């Protein structure tokens, strides 16, 4: 379960910003709070959902992209064989001042795994020219077994700050294999590769456990295609039934969904790949394409089949997200979705959120983190104040992230929060020049 995510000097995020999912003293909506084992004795629990609001270009997506980049870096930084060509090279620092454009990027995550609190972080020095590449200047892993902090490994600046003379340090008791194994692993770790990733690739048990958390529990629904949902529907009748119920209940007029493998297209693509390959090579990639139809009823009750592409954008997006949502709820994952409200009606959004909020539909402790423009979701009957987060740009174009709990002038219970938000009381609204926008059609051609 995710406790906190923070980023510094990444895209529009200049100064350190943290999304903290640990519950505050707010007593409202206790059913949205989870109490997993491993929390501090004084902890009030962890929220099941969090919504991030803000104007266009305020930095909502930067927060999401920072989480997505960190996940990709952990999973793939050790996969590239050529120095300077790995996943870390895609890091993007804050660009609106020279100091930060050349400065380090810091990403940190705190989470619970196997009833033990973990903290993992990295500091990256972005490339400054064609001959340079992004380097790891600091990396660390900490654990809190029995609520007592223990460093597992420290690298670079993290080791130096802890007073260790070498550029790396590991706990003899907390790091499997101790100093001897660590020396071999660090010897093999390039400057542009995360030690955690390489150690996991070499089957180190503690590293593999943390990497598996990023792979299985820290899910960013960045580029969801309908293919994943289609494949899952063919593999699992239970999932197929869930998708059918979801789309039927969404008020789309859909009675059922039919998915089939497009064998002809599979064969055509495979044949073309074979033709383009040299005779001595064998094509090992087997593409899979699907034909998906939505079935409606006409005025006589007969079936009318439509291609999925003929459905509304919102229906198509709901179909694509059905897989990640189902998977998160079934396995207790933390799911990030950028702009969840795109193409979806307010009442449908509320229903999706409630699936994660309710212990009945979310018995495994899944979490939903999403960005949105739908101010009507700022409803005290749906969200606690510590679940509502707002982003806005400061005078230096840096993203600032804060929750409603941070306001000294706290809104009263049952107060229509969205009206206060739209009025600008909480910030996070665009500074529009409405007169210029309205005048544009009258301007010279």
Protein backbone atom coordinates (compact mmCIF):
# COMPACT_ATOMS: atom_id res chain seq x y z
CA UNK A 1 0.00 0.00 0.00
CA UNK A 2 1.33 3.44 -0.97
CA UNK A 3 1.97 5.87 1.90
CA UNK A 4 3.68 8.80 0.18
CA UNK A 5 5.17 9.83 -3.14
CA UNK A 6 7.38 12.88 -3.59
CA UNK A 7 9.20 14.49 -6.51
CA UNK A 8 11.61 17.38 -6.86
CA UNK A 9 12.87 19.11 -10.01
CA UNK A 10 10.84 16.94 -12.38
CA UNK A 11 9.06 18.65 -15.29
CA UNK A 12 6.92 21.46 -13.81
CA UNK A 13 7.70 20.34 -10.23
CA UNK A 14 10.59 22.56 -9.12
CA UNK A 15 10.63 22.31 -5.31
CA UNK A 16 9.88 19.07 -3.49
CA UNK A 17 6.18 18.20 -3.57
CA UNK A 18 4.67 15.26 -1.69
CA UNK A 19 1.40 13.41 -2.05
CA UNK A 20 0.83 11.94 1.41
CA UNK A 21 -1.91 9.32 1.70
CA UNK A 22 -1.70 8.89 5.46
CA UNK A 23 -4.93 9.98 7.10
CA UNK A 24 -5.07 13.13 9.23
CA UNK A 25 -7.17 13.86 12.31
CA UNK A 26 -10.24 14.51 10.15
CA UNK A 27 -12.99 12.23 11.42
CA UNK A 28 -15.29 12.27 8.41
CA UNK A 29 -15.95 9.21 6.22
CA UNK A 30 -14.07 6.68 8.33
CA UNK A 31 -15.04 3.94 5.86
CA UNK A 32 -12.50 5.27 3.32
CA UNK A 33 -9.62 4.70 5.75
CA UNK A 34 -7.62 1.47 5.72
CA UNK A 35 -5.50 0.19 8.61
CA UNK A 36 -3.02 -2.27 7.10
CA UNK A 37 -0.47 -3.98 9.36
CA UNK A 38 2.90 -2.29 9.55
CA UNK A 39 1.74 1.28 10.19
CA UNK A 40 3.25 3.29 13.02
CA UNK A 41 1.54 2.88 16.36
CA UNK A 42 0.18 6.43 16.23
CA UNK A 43 -0.98 6.26 12.61
CA UNK A 44 -4.57 7.13 11.77
CA UNK A 45 -4.57 4.89 8.70
CA UNK A 46 -4.25 5.36 4.95
CA UNK A 47 -6.86 6.77 2.55
CA UNK A 48 -8.14 4.52 -0.23
CA UNK A 49 -8.42 7.30 -2.83
CA UNK A 50 -7.00 10.74 -3.54
CA UNK A 51 -8.11 13.28 -6.17
CA UNK A 52 -5.82 15.97 -7.57
CA UNK A 53 -7.49 19.10 -8.94
CA UNK A 54 -6.01 22.05 -10.80
CA UNK A 55 -6.07 24.22 -13.89
CA UNK A 56 -4.68 23.19 -17.26
CA UNK A 57 -0.86 23.23 -17.28
CA UNK A 58 -0.75 23.50 -13.48
CA UNK A 59 1.25 20.30 -13.06
CA UNK A 60 -1.32 17.59 -12.39
CA UNK A 61 0.11 15.44 -15.16
CA UNK A 62 3.68 16.17 -14.03
CA UNK A 63 2.93 14.44 -10.74
CA UNK A 64 1.48 11.46 -12.59
CA UNK A 65 4.40 11.37 -15.05
CA UNK A 66 6.93 11.50 -12.19
CA UNK A 67 5.35 8.38 -10.69
CA UNK A 68 5.26 6.70 -14.10
CA UNK A 69 8.92 7.58 -14.77
CA UNK A 70 10.05 6.25 -11.38
CA UNK A 71 8.24 2.97 -11.97
CA UNK A 72 9.77 2.62 -15.45
CA UNK A 73 13.25 3.48 -14.14
CA UNK A 74 13.09 0.81 -11.45
CA UNK A 75 11.77 -1.85 -13.81
CA UNK A 76 13.94 -1.13 -16.84
CA UNK A 77 17.13 0.78 -15.96
CA UNK A 78 19.22 -2.43 -15.92
CA UNK A 79 17.80 -3.78 -19.17
CA UNK A 80 19.84 -1.72 -21.65
CA UNK A 81 23.28 -3.00 -22.63
CA UNK A 82 24.64 0.31 -23.98
CA UNK A 83 25.76 3.00 -21.56
CA UNK A 84 23.61 6.12 -21.80
CA UNK A 85 20.72 4.34 -23.56
CA UNK A 86 18.61 3.17 -20.62
CA UNK A 87 15.34 4.24 -19.03
CA UNK A 88 16.97 6.96 -16.91
CA UNK A 89 17.79 9.03 -19.99
CA UNK A 90 14.14 10.06 -20.31
CA UNK A 91 14.23 12.13 -17.13
CA UNK A 92 13.11 15.75 -17.61
CA UNK A 93 14.12 18.40 -15.05
CA UNK A 94 12.40 21.74 -14.42
CA UNK A 95 13.32 24.01 -17.33
CA UNK A 96 12.27 27.51 -16.33
CA UNK A 97 15.48 28.50 -14.57
CA UNK A 98 19.11 27.63 -15.27
CA UNK A 99 19.89 26.30 -11.80
CA UNK A 100 17.18 23.64 -11.85
CA UNK A 101 17.64 22.87 -15.53
CA UNK A 102 21.12 21.64 -14.64
CA UNK A 103 20.22 20.34 -11.18
CA UNK A 104 19.41 16.89 -9.79
CA UNK A 105 16.02 15.18 -9.97
CA UNK A 106 14.83 13.49 -6.77
CA UNK A 107 12.09 10.86 -6.55
CA UNK A 108 11.06 9.07 -3.38
CA UNK A 109 8.33 6.63 -2.41
CA UNK A 110 7.17 5.23 0.94
CA UNK A 111 5.05 2.09 1.00
CA UNK A 112 4.03 -0.98 2.97
CA UNK A 113 5.04 -4.44 1.84
CA UNK A 114 4.63 -7.59 3.91
CA UNK A 115 3.55 -5.46 6.88
CA UNK A 116 6.86 -3.54 6.86
CA UNK A 117 7.26 0.11 5.94
CA UNK A 118 9.80 0.78 3.17
CA UNK A 119 11.31 3.92 1.70
CA UNK A 120 13.13 3.92 -1.61
CA UNK A 121 14.59 6.96 -3.32
CA UNK A 122 16.87 8.07 -6.13
CA UNK A 123 18.68 11.25 -7.15
CA UNK A 124 19.53 11.62 -10.83
CA UNK A 125 21.89 14.10 -12.48
CA UNK A 126 20.37 14.82 -15.92
CA UNK A 127 22.56 14.87 -19.02
CA UNK A 128 23.88 18.29 -20.03
CA UNK A 129 25.03 17.61 -23.58
CA UNK A 130 25.28 15.17 -26.42
CA UNK A 131 28.24 13.34 -24.86
CA UNK A 132 26.83 13.19 -21.36
CA UNK A 133 24.14 10.94 -19.93
CA UNK A 134 21.96 10.84 -16.86
CA UNK A 135 23.77 9.45 -13.82
CA UNK A 136 22.61 8.14 -10.45
CA UNK A 137 24.20 10.33 -7.77
CA UNK A 138 22.27 8.94 -4.80
CA UNK A 139 20.09 5.92 -4.07
CA UNK A 140 18.81 4.37 -0.87
CA UNK A 141 16.51 1.74 0.59
CA UNK A 142 15.26 1.85 4.17
CA UNK A 143 12.95 -0.42 6.12
CA UNK A 144 11.16 -0.20 9.44
CA UNK A 145 10.97 -3.76 10.83
CA UNK A 146 9.24 -3.61 14.23
CA UNK A 147 8.87 0.18 13.62
CA UNK A 148 12.63 0.76 13.95
CA UNK A 149 14.39 2.30 10.97
CA UNK A 150 17.19 0.33 9.30
CA UNK A 151 19.18 1.34 6.23
CA UNK A 152 19.39 -1.59 3.80
CA UNK A 153 21.73 0.05 1.28
CA UNK A 154 23.04 3.54 0.57
CA UNK A 155 24.69 4.76 -2.60
CA UNK A 156 26.56 7.92 -3.52
CA UNK A 157 25.42 11.02 -1.65
CA UNK A 158 23.17 8.98 0.62
CA UNK A 159 26.19 7.00 1.86
CA UNK A 160 28.26 10.17 2.29
CA UNK A 161 25.50 11.92 4.23
CA UNK A 162 25.33 8.95 6.60
CA UNK A 163 29.08 9.29 7.27
CA UNK A 164 30.32 6.30 5.28
CA UNK A 165 33.69 6.85 3.55
CA UNK A 166 32.97 4.54 0.60
CA UNK A 167 30.61 5.47 -2.28
CA UNK A 168 28.24 2.72 -1.16
CA UNK A 169 27.23 0.95 2.04
CA UNK A 170 25.03 -2.02 2.91
CA UNK A 171 23.76 -3.46 6.17
CA UNK A 172 25.48 -6.73 6.97
CA UNK A 173 22.33 -7.98 8.68
CA UNK A 174 19.72 -6.32 6.49
CA UNK A 175 21.25 -6.92 3.05
CA UNK A 176 21.34 -10.56 1.99
CA UNK A 177 24.91 -11.60 1.27
CA UNK A 178 26.34 -8.67 3.17
CA UNK A 179 29.37 -6.65 2.10
CA UNK A 180 30.94 -9.34 -0.06
CA UNK A 181 27.97 -9.80 -2.37
CA UNK A 182 27.28 -6.06 -2.41
CA UNK A 183 30.85 -5.35 -3.54
CA UNK A 184 30.38 -7.56 -6.60
CA UNK A 185 26.99 -6.04 -7.41
CA UNK A 186 28.16 -2.44 -7.06
CA UNK A 187 31.20 -3.27 -9.21
CA UNK A 188 28.77 -4.27 -11.98
CA UNK A 189 26.45 -1.25 -11.55
CA UNK A 190 27.03 1.43 -14.16
CA UNK A 191 26.54 5.11 -13.33
CA UNK A 192 23.35 5.18 -15.40
CA UNK A 193 21.77 2.09 -13.80
CA UNK A 194 19.89 1.84 -10.52
CA UNK A 195 21.54 -0.53 -8.06
CA UNK A 196 18.08 -1.77 -7.04
CA UNK A 197 17.32 -2.77 -10.63
CA UNK A 198 20.61 -4.57 -11.20
CA UNK A 199 20.45 -6.39 -7.86
CA UNK A 200 16.92 -7.56 -8.68
CA UNK A 201 18.09 -8.71 -12.11
CA UNK A 202 20.76 -10.76 -10.30
CA UNK A 203 17.99 -12.32 -8.15
CA UNK A 204 18.87 -10.59 -4.90
CA UNK A 205 15.89 -11.33 -2.62
CA UNK A 206 15.42 -7.92 -0.97
CA UNK A 207 15.86 -6.07 -4.26
CA UNK A 208 13.48 -8.42 -6.07
CA UNK A 209 10.85 -7.86 -3.37
CA UNK A 210 10.97 -4.07 -3.81
CA UNK A 211 11.04 -4.26 -7.62
CA UNK A 212 8.07 -6.64 -7.52
CA UNK A 213 6.16 -4.01 -5.51
CA UNK A 214 6.81 -1.46 -8.27
CA UNK A 215 5.80 -4.00 -10.91
CA UNK A 216 2.70 -5.42 -9.23
CA UNK A 217 1.44 -2.81 -6.77
CA UNK A 218 2.44 0.59 -8.21
CA UNK A 219 0.40 0.71 -11.42
CA UNK A 220 0.28 3.75 -13.70
CA UNK A 221 -2.42 3.46 -16.37
CA UNK A 222 -0.50 5.60 -18.84
CA UNK A 223 -1.10 4.07 -22.26
CA UNK A 224 -3.97 1.65 -21.84
CA UNK A 225 -5.13 0.10 -25.10
CA UNK A 226 -8.29 -1.88 -25.66
CA UNK A 227 -6.13 -4.92 -26.48
CA UNK A 228 -5.35 -5.61 -22.82
CA UNK A 229 -9.05 -5.63 -21.91
CA UNK A 230 -9.91 -7.74 -24.97
CA UNK A 231 -7.26 -10.34 -24.19
CA UNK A 232 -8.35 -10.53 -20.56
CA UNK A 233 -11.99 -10.98 -21.57
CA UNK A 234 -11.09 -14.00 -23.71
CA UNK A 235 -8.91 -15.46 -20.96
CA UNK A 236 -11.32 -14.94 -18.06
CA UNK A 237 -15.11 -15.44 -18.24
CA UNK A 238 -15.34 -13.79 -14.82
CA UNK A 239 -13.64 -10.65 -16.13
CA UNK A 240 -15.77 -10.72 -19.30
CA UNK A 241 -18.89 -10.78 -17.14
CA UNK A 242 -17.58 -7.81 -15.13
CA UNK A 243 -16.94 -5.74 -18.28
CA UNK A 244 -20.39 -6.53 -19.63
CA UNK A 245 -22.04 -5.49 -16.36
CA UNK A 246 -19.93 -2.34 -16.15
CA UNK A 247 -20.73 -1.11 -19.66
CA UNK A 248 -24.40 -2.04 -19.38
CA UNK A 249 -24.71 -0.22 -16.06
CA UNK A 250 -22.96 2.91 -17.40
CA UNK A 251 -26.09 3.99 -19.29
CA UNK A 252 -24.51 3.51 -22.73
CA UNK A 253 -27.35 1.40 -24.11
CA UNK A 254 -24.97 -1.53 -24.53
CA UNK A 255 -26.54 -4.92 -23.84
CA UNK A 256 -23.38 -6.98 -24.12
CA UNK A 257 -19.87 -6.94 -25.55
CA UNK A 258 -18.49 -9.57 -27.93
CA UNK A 259 -14.75 -10.07 -28.42
CA UNK A 260 -13.07 -12.40 -30.91
CA UNK A 261 -9.54 -12.92 -32.19
CA UNK A 262 -9.00 -11.37 -35.63
CA UNK A 263 -7.22 -14.37 -37.11
CA UNK A 264 -7.11 -12.95 -40.63
CA UNK A 265 -5.36 -9.79 -39.51
CA UNK A 266 -2.99 -11.76 -37.30
CA UNK A 267 -2.03 -13.93 -40.25
CA UNK A 268 -1.60 -10.96 -42.63
CA UNK A 269 0.66 -9.07 -40.24
CA UNK A 270 2.71 -12.20 -39.50
CA UNK A 271 3.14 -12.92 -43.22
CA UNK A 272 4.29 -9.35 -43.88
CA UNK A 273 6.82 -9.58 -41.06
CA UNK A 274 8.18 -12.82 -42.52
CA UNK A 275 8.54 -11.21 -45.96
CA UNK A 276 10.53 -8.29 -44.53
CA UNK A 277 12.92 -10.52 -42.59
CA UNK A 278 16.10 -12.06 -43.95
CA UNK A 279 15.80 -15.83 -44.58
CA UNK A 280 18.16 -16.71 -41.74
CA UNK A 281 15.97 -14.96 -39.13
CA UNK A 282 12.80 -16.38 -37.59
CA UNK A 283 9.97 -14.11 -36.53
CA UNK A 284 9.29 -14.86 -32.86
CA UNK A 285 6.78 -12.04 -32.32
CA UNK A 286 3.21 -13.17 -32.88
CA UNK A 287 0.86 -10.16 -33.05
CA UNK A 288 -2.63 -10.47 -31.64
CA UNK A 289 -5.53 -8.44 -32.93
CA UNK A 290 -9.14 -8.51 -31.84
CA UNK A 291 -12.56 -7.60 -33.16
CA UNK A 292 -14.82 -6.09 -30.52
CA UNK A 293 -18.50 -5.40 -31.04
CA UNK A 294 -21.02 -3.79 -28.74
CA UNK A 295 -24.55 -5.13 -29.01
CA UNK A 296 -27.52 -2.76 -28.71
CA UNK A 297 -31.25 -3.34 -29.17
CA UNK A 298 -33.33 -1.66 -31.84
CA UNK A 299 -37.00 -0.63 -31.50
CA UNK A 300 -38.16 -4.22 -32.03
CA UNK A 301 -35.76 -5.68 -29.46
CA UNK A 302 -33.43 -7.07 -32.11
CA UNK A 303 -29.66 -6.95 -31.86
CA UNK A 304 -27.69 -4.15 -33.51
CA UNK A 305 -23.91 -4.62 -33.52
CA UNK A 306 -21.52 -1.66 -33.49
CA UNK A 307 -17.74 -1.61 -33.70
CA UNK A 308 -16.10 -0.38 -30.50
CA UNK A 309 -14.70 2.55 -32.50
CA UNK A 310 -18.28 3.65 -33.19
CA UNK A 311 -18.98 4.13 -29.50
CA UNK A 312 -18.42 7.42 -27.71
CA UNK A 313 -14.97 8.41 -26.54
CA UNK A 314 -16.09 7.98 -22.93
CA UNK A 315 -17.38 4.45 -23.55
CA UNK A 316 -14.16 3.47 -25.29
CA UNK A 317 -12.10 4.86 -22.42
CA UNK A 318 -14.22 3.06 -19.84
CA UNK A 319 -13.62 -0.17 -21.78
CA UNK A 320 -9.84 0.42 -21.77
CA UNK A 321 -9.76 1.27 -18.05
CA UNK A 322 -11.97 -1.67 -17.07
CA UNK A 323 -8.95 -3.98 -17.01
CA UNK A 324 -6.73 -1.85 -14.70
CA UNK A 325 -9.66 -1.08 -12.37
CA UNK A 326 -10.70 -4.73 -12.12
CA UNK A 327 -7.10 -5.85 -11.63
CA UNK A 328 -6.43 -3.25 -8.92
CA UNK A 329 -9.55 -4.19 -6.96
CA UNK A 330 -8.90 -7.93 -7.27
CA UNK A 331 -5.25 -7.73 -6.18
CA UNK A 332 -5.09 -4.67 -3.93
CA UNK A 333 -2.92 -2.53 -6.18
CA UNK A 334 -2.31 1.23 -6.15
CA UNK A 335 -3.68 2.55 -9.46
CA UNK A 336 -2.76 5.99 -10.89
CA UNK A 337 -5.01 7.41 -13.63
CA UNK A 338 -4.37 10.79 -15.21
CA UNK A 339 -7.54 12.79 -16.03
CA UNK A 340 -9.97 10.10 -14.99
CA UNK A 341 -12.91 12.34 -15.93
CA UNK A 342 -12.00 12.54 -19.63
CA UNK A 343 -15.12 11.61 -21.59
CA UNK A 344 -16.97 10.35 -18.51
CA UNK A 345 -20.11 11.66 -16.83
CA UNK A 346 -19.94 12.89 -13.26
CA UNK A 347 -22.21 10.15 -11.90
CA UNK A 348 -20.13 7.45 -13.55
CA UNK A 349 -16.99 8.92 -11.98
CA UNK A 350 -18.59 8.85 -8.55
CA UNK A 351 -19.52 5.19 -9.00
CA UNK A 352 -15.95 4.26 -9.98
CA UNK A 353 -14.55 6.14 -6.98
CA UNK A 354 -17.03 4.50 -4.62
CA UNK A 355 -15.85 1.07 -5.75
CA UNK A 356 -12.45 1.90 -4.24
CA UNK A 357 -13.88 3.71 -1.22
CA UNK A 358 -16.15 0.89 -0.04
CA UNK A 359 -14.61 -2.01 1.91
CA UNK A 360 -17.29 -4.26 0.39
CA UNK A 361 -16.14 -3.74 -3.20
CA UNK A 362 -12.50 -3.14 -2.25
CA UNK A 363 -11.68 -5.80 0.37
CA UNK A 364 -7.97 -6.07 -0.59
CA UNK A 365 -6.95 -2.47 0.10
CA UNK A 366 -6.60 -1.15 -3.45
CA UNK A 367 -5.95 2.57 -3.89
CA UNK A 368 -7.04 4.96 -6.65
CA UNK A 369 -5.07 8.15 -7.29
CA UNK A 370 -6.31 10.35 -10.10
CA UNK A 371 -6.26 13.84 -11.56
CA UNK A 372 -9.45 15.55 -12.62
CA UNK A 373 -11.12 18.82 -13.69
CA UNK A 374 -14.53 17.81 -12.33
CA UNK A 375 -14.99 20.27 -9.46
CA UNK A 376 -18.34 18.70 -8.56
CA UNK A 377 -16.37 15.79 -7.08
CA UNK A 378 -15.36 18.14 -4.27
CA UNK A 379 -18.20 16.81 -2.18
CA UNK A 380 -17.79 16.26 1.59
CA UNK A 381 -20.12 13.26 1.32
CA UNK A 382 -17.64 11.66 -1.13
CA UNK A 383 -14.20 12.86 0.00
CA UNK A 384 -12.49 13.87 3.22
CA UNK A 385 -10.38 17.03 3.14
CA UNK A 386 -7.18 14.96 3.27
CA UNK A 387 -8.23 13.19 0.06
CA UNK A 388 -8.59 16.42 -1.94
CA UNK A 389 -5.34 17.79 -3.36
CA UNK A 390 -4.83 20.93 -5.44
CA UNK A 391 -1.99 21.97 -7.73
CA UNK A 392 -1.19 25.42 -9.04
CA UNK A 393 1.77 27.27 -10.49
CA UNK A 394 3.69 29.83 -8.46
CA UNK A 395 5.27 33.00 -9.84
CA UNK A 396 8.35 31.04 -10.97
CA UNK A 397 6.17 28.54 -12.93
CA UNK A 398 6.79 25.79 -10.39
CA UNK A 399 4.00 23.42 -9.38
CA UNK A 400 2.79 23.61 -5.78
CA UNK A 401 0.80 20.69 -4.33
CA UNK A 402 -1.32 20.93 -1.19
CA UNK A 403 -4.42 19.37 0.34
CA UNK A 404 -7.46 21.08 1.83
CA UNK A 405 -6.14 20.11 5.26
CA UNK A 406 -3.35 22.66 4.74
CA UNK A 407 -5.82 25.56 4.85
CA UNK A 408 -6.08 27.32 8.20
CA UNK A 409 -9.50 28.65 7.20
CA UNK A 410 -11.01 25.19 7.01
CA UNK A 411 -14.33 24.78 5.19
CA UNK A 412 -17.31 23.97 7.35
CA UNK A 413 -18.85 20.50 7.30
CA UNK A 414 -21.34 19.95 4.48
CA UNK A 415 -20.15 23.19 2.84
CA UNK A 416 -20.32 23.01 -0.99
CA UNK A 417 -16.58 22.77 -1.54
CA UNK A 418 -16.73 22.96 -5.32
CA UNK A 419 -18.24 26.46 -5.15
CA UNK A 420 -15.37 27.64 -2.98
CA UNK A 421 -12.90 25.98 -5.34
CA UNK A 422 -14.39 27.56 -8.46
CA UNK A 423 -14.43 30.96 -6.74
CA UNK A 424 -10.65 30.65 -6.27
CA UNK A 425 -10.69 30.32 -2.47
CA UNK A 426 -8.46 27.23 -2.56
CA UNK A 427 -6.39 28.23 -5.60
CA UNK A 428 -5.91 25.84 -8.49
CA UNK A 429 -8.10 27.77 -10.94
CA UNK A 430 -6.82 29.25 -14.22
CA UNK A 431 -5.97 32.95 -14.47
CA UNK A 432 -7.91 33.55 -17.67
CA UNK A 433 -7.99 36.72 -19.75
CA UNK A 434 -11.62 36.21 -20.71
CA UNK A 435 -11.85 39.51 -22.59
CA UNK A 436 -8.98 38.48 -24.88
CA UNK A 437 -10.54 35.06 -25.45
CA UNK A 438 -13.91 36.57 -26.34
CA UNK A 439 -12.33 39.19 -28.57
CA UNK A 440 -10.37 36.75 -30.70
CA UNK A 441 -13.13 35.90 -33.25
CA UNK A 442 -13.52 39.63 -33.95
CA UNK A 443 -9.84 40.12 -34.68
CA UNK A 444 -8.35 40.66 -38.10
CA UNK A 445 -8.00 37.56 -40.27
